[in-house]
C-alpha atoms as a PDB file:
ATOM      1  CA  MET A   1      14.312  32.769   1.691  1.00  0.00           C
ATOM      2  CA  THR A   2      13.766  29.018   1.621  1.00  0.00           C
ATOM      3  CA  ILE A   3      12.016  26.732  -0.979  1.00  0.00           C
ATOM      4  CA  ARG A   4      10.682  23.618   0.550  1.00  0.00           C
ATOM      5  CA  THR A   5       9.222  20.718  -1.526  1.00  0.00           C
ATOM      6  CA  VAL A   6       6.782  18.428   0.062  1.00  0.00           C
ATOM      7  CA  HIS A   7       5.404  15.389  -1.600  1.00  0.00           C
ATOM      8  CA  GLN A   8       2.025  14.253  -0.356  1.00  0.00           C
ATOM      9  CA  VAL A   9       0.536  10.723  -0.737  1.00  0.00           C
ATOM     10  CA  ILE A  10      -3.205  10.873  -0.932  1.00  0.00           C
ATOM     11  CA  ASN A  11      -5.575   7.735  -0.515  1.00  0.00           C
ATOM     12  CA  LYS A  12      -8.434   6.954  -2.844  1.00  0.00           C
ATOM     13  CA  SER A  13     -10.875   9.086  -0.695  1.00  0.00           C
ATOM     14  CA  GLY A  14      -8.686  12.166  -1.148  1.00  0.00           C
ATOM     15  CA  THR A  15      -7.168  12.154   2.419  1.00  0.00           C
ATOM     16  CA  VAL A  16      -3.418  12.953   2.784  1.00  0.00           C
ATOM     17  CA  ILE A  17      -1.928   9.790   4.458  1.00  0.00           C
ATOM     18  CA  GLY A  18       1.696  11.041   4.321  1.00  0.00           C
ATOM     19  CA  GLU A  19       3.898  14.063   3.548  1.00  0.00           C
ATOM     20  CA  PHE A  20       7.517  13.607   2.802  1.00  0.00           C
ATOM     21  CA  MET A  21      10.511  15.827   1.778  1.00  0.00           C
ATOM     22  CA  ASP A  22      12.198  12.704   0.341  1.00  0.00           C
ATOM     23  CA  ILE A  23      10.373  11.730  -2.969  1.00  0.00           C
ATOM     24  CA  LYS A  24      11.647   8.003  -2.562  1.00  0.00           C
ATOM     25  CA  LEU A  25       9.721   7.630   0.720  1.00  0.00           C
ATOM     26  CA  ALA A  26       6.661   9.069  -0.824  1.00  0.00           C
ATOM     27  CA  LYS A  27       6.891   6.777  -3.771  1.00  0.00           C
ATOM     28  CA  ASP A  28       7.294   3.850  -1.351  1.00  0.00           C
ATOM     29  CA  LEU A  29       4.222   4.715   0.615  1.00  0.00           C
ATOM     30  CA  ASP A  30       2.394   5.276  -2.776  1.00  0.00           C
ATOM     31  CA  ASN A  31       3.310   1.811  -3.933  1.00  0.00           C
ATOM     32  CA  ARG A  32       2.348   0.210  -0.597  1.00  0.00           C
ATOM     33  CA  THR A  33      -1.069   1.891  -0.821  1.00  0.00           C
ATOM     34  CA  ASP A  34      -1.613   0.765  -4.350  1.00  0.00           C
ATOM     35  CA  VAL A  35      -0.797  -2.769  -3.430  1.00  0.00           C
ATOM     36  CA  LEU A  36      -2.992  -2.498  -0.220  1.00  0.00           C
ATOM     37  CA  TYR A  37      -6.039  -1.391  -2.389  1.00  0.00           C
ATOM     38  CA  PHE A  38      -5.373  -4.122  -4.928  1.00  0.00           C
ATOM     39  CA  ILE A  39      -5.338  -6.833  -2.180  1.00  0.00           C
ATOM     40  CA  ALA A  40      -8.407  -5.293  -0.468  1.00  0.00           C
ATOM     41  CA  ASP A  41     -10.285  -5.311  -3.842  1.00  0.00           C
ATOM     42  CA  LEU A  42      -9.439  -9.038  -4.196  1.00  0.00           C
ATOM     43  CA  ILE A  43     -10.718  -9.635  -0.722  1.00  0.00           C
ATOM     44  CA  GLU A  44     -13.880  -7.569  -1.190  1.00  0.00           C
ATOM     45  CA  SER A  45     -14.605  -9.688  -4.242  1.00  0.00           C
ATOM     46  CA  ALA A  46     -14.894 -12.693  -1.938  1.00  0.00           C
ATOM     47  CA  GLY A  47     -17.741 -10.886  -0.132  1.00  0.00           C
ATOM     48  CA  ILE A  48     -15.915  -8.991   2.647  1.00  0.00           C
ATOM     49  CA  ASP A  49     -16.984  -5.398   3.356  1.00  0.00           C
ATOM     50  CA  GLU A  50     -14.527  -2.698   2.222  1.00  0.00           C
ATOM     51  CA  THR A  51     -13.349  -1.639   5.695  1.00  0.00           C
ATOM     52  CA  THR A  52     -12.602  -5.165   6.807  1.00  0.00           C
ATOM     53  CA  ALA A  53     -10.890  -5.894   3.468  1.00  0.00           C
ATOM     54  CA  GLU A  54      -8.566  -2.868   3.910  1.00  0.00           C
ATOM     55  CA  LYS A  55      -7.670  -4.011   7.490  1.00  0.00           C
ATOM     56  CA  VAL A  56      -6.980  -7.583   6.449  1.00  0.00           C
ATOM     57  CA  ALA A  57      -4.846  -6.205   3.492  1.00  0.00           C
ATOM     58  CA  ASP A  58      -2.936  -3.950   5.891  1.00  0.00           C
ATOM     59  CA  VAL A  59      -2.269  -6.945   8.179  1.00  0.00           C
ATOM     60  CA  MET A  60      -1.003  -8.860   5.242  1.00  0.00           C
ATOM     61  CA  LEU A  61       1.370  -6.197   4.192  1.00  0.00           C
ATOM     62  CA  GLU A  62       2.648  -5.844   7.753  1.00  0.00           C
ATOM     63  CA  ASP A  63       3.206  -9.571   8.240  1.00  0.00           C
ATOM     64  CA  ASN A  64       6.809 -10.236   7.622  1.00  0.00           C
ATOM     65  CA  THR A  65       6.352 -13.935   7.788  1.00  0.00           C
ATOM     66  CA  CYS A  66       4.375 -13.971   4.540  1.00  0.00           C
ATOM     67  CA  LEU A  67       6.525 -15.041   1.601  1.00  0.00           C
ATOM     68  CA  LEU A  68       5.570 -14.148  -1.946  1.00  0.00           C
ATOM     69  CA  TYR A  69       6.754 -16.406  -4.651  1.00  0.00           C
ATOM     70  CA  THR A  70       7.128 -15.796  -8.335  1.00  0.00           C
ATOM     71  CA  SER A  71       7.130 -18.690 -10.899  1.00  0.00           C
ATOM     72  CA  ASP A  72      10.952 -18.085 -11.077  1.00  0.00           C
ATOM     73  CA  ALA A  73      11.373 -18.553  -7.356  1.00  0.00           C
ATOM     74  CA  ALA A  74       9.220 -21.692  -7.260  1.00  0.00           C
ATOM     75  CA  ASP A  75      11.492 -23.304  -9.849  1.00  0.00           C
ATOM     76  CA  GLU A  76      14.685 -22.928  -7.755  1.00  0.00           C
END
């Protein structure tokens, strides 16, 4: 007999967007999804529709040329 634990990541509409045996990978995707929805909400507040806002947020997260600065990094 084998016991297998699978961690599912579910989006805000209730769809499973990932299944992982490694909880770290599941948490990484969950955190990325939280950030994606946060960015998408900001974009939507500027008058962009939800679907487009999520696509733009996804592109922003995938763009490795974007640099995020904190106030500490700006002081260096």
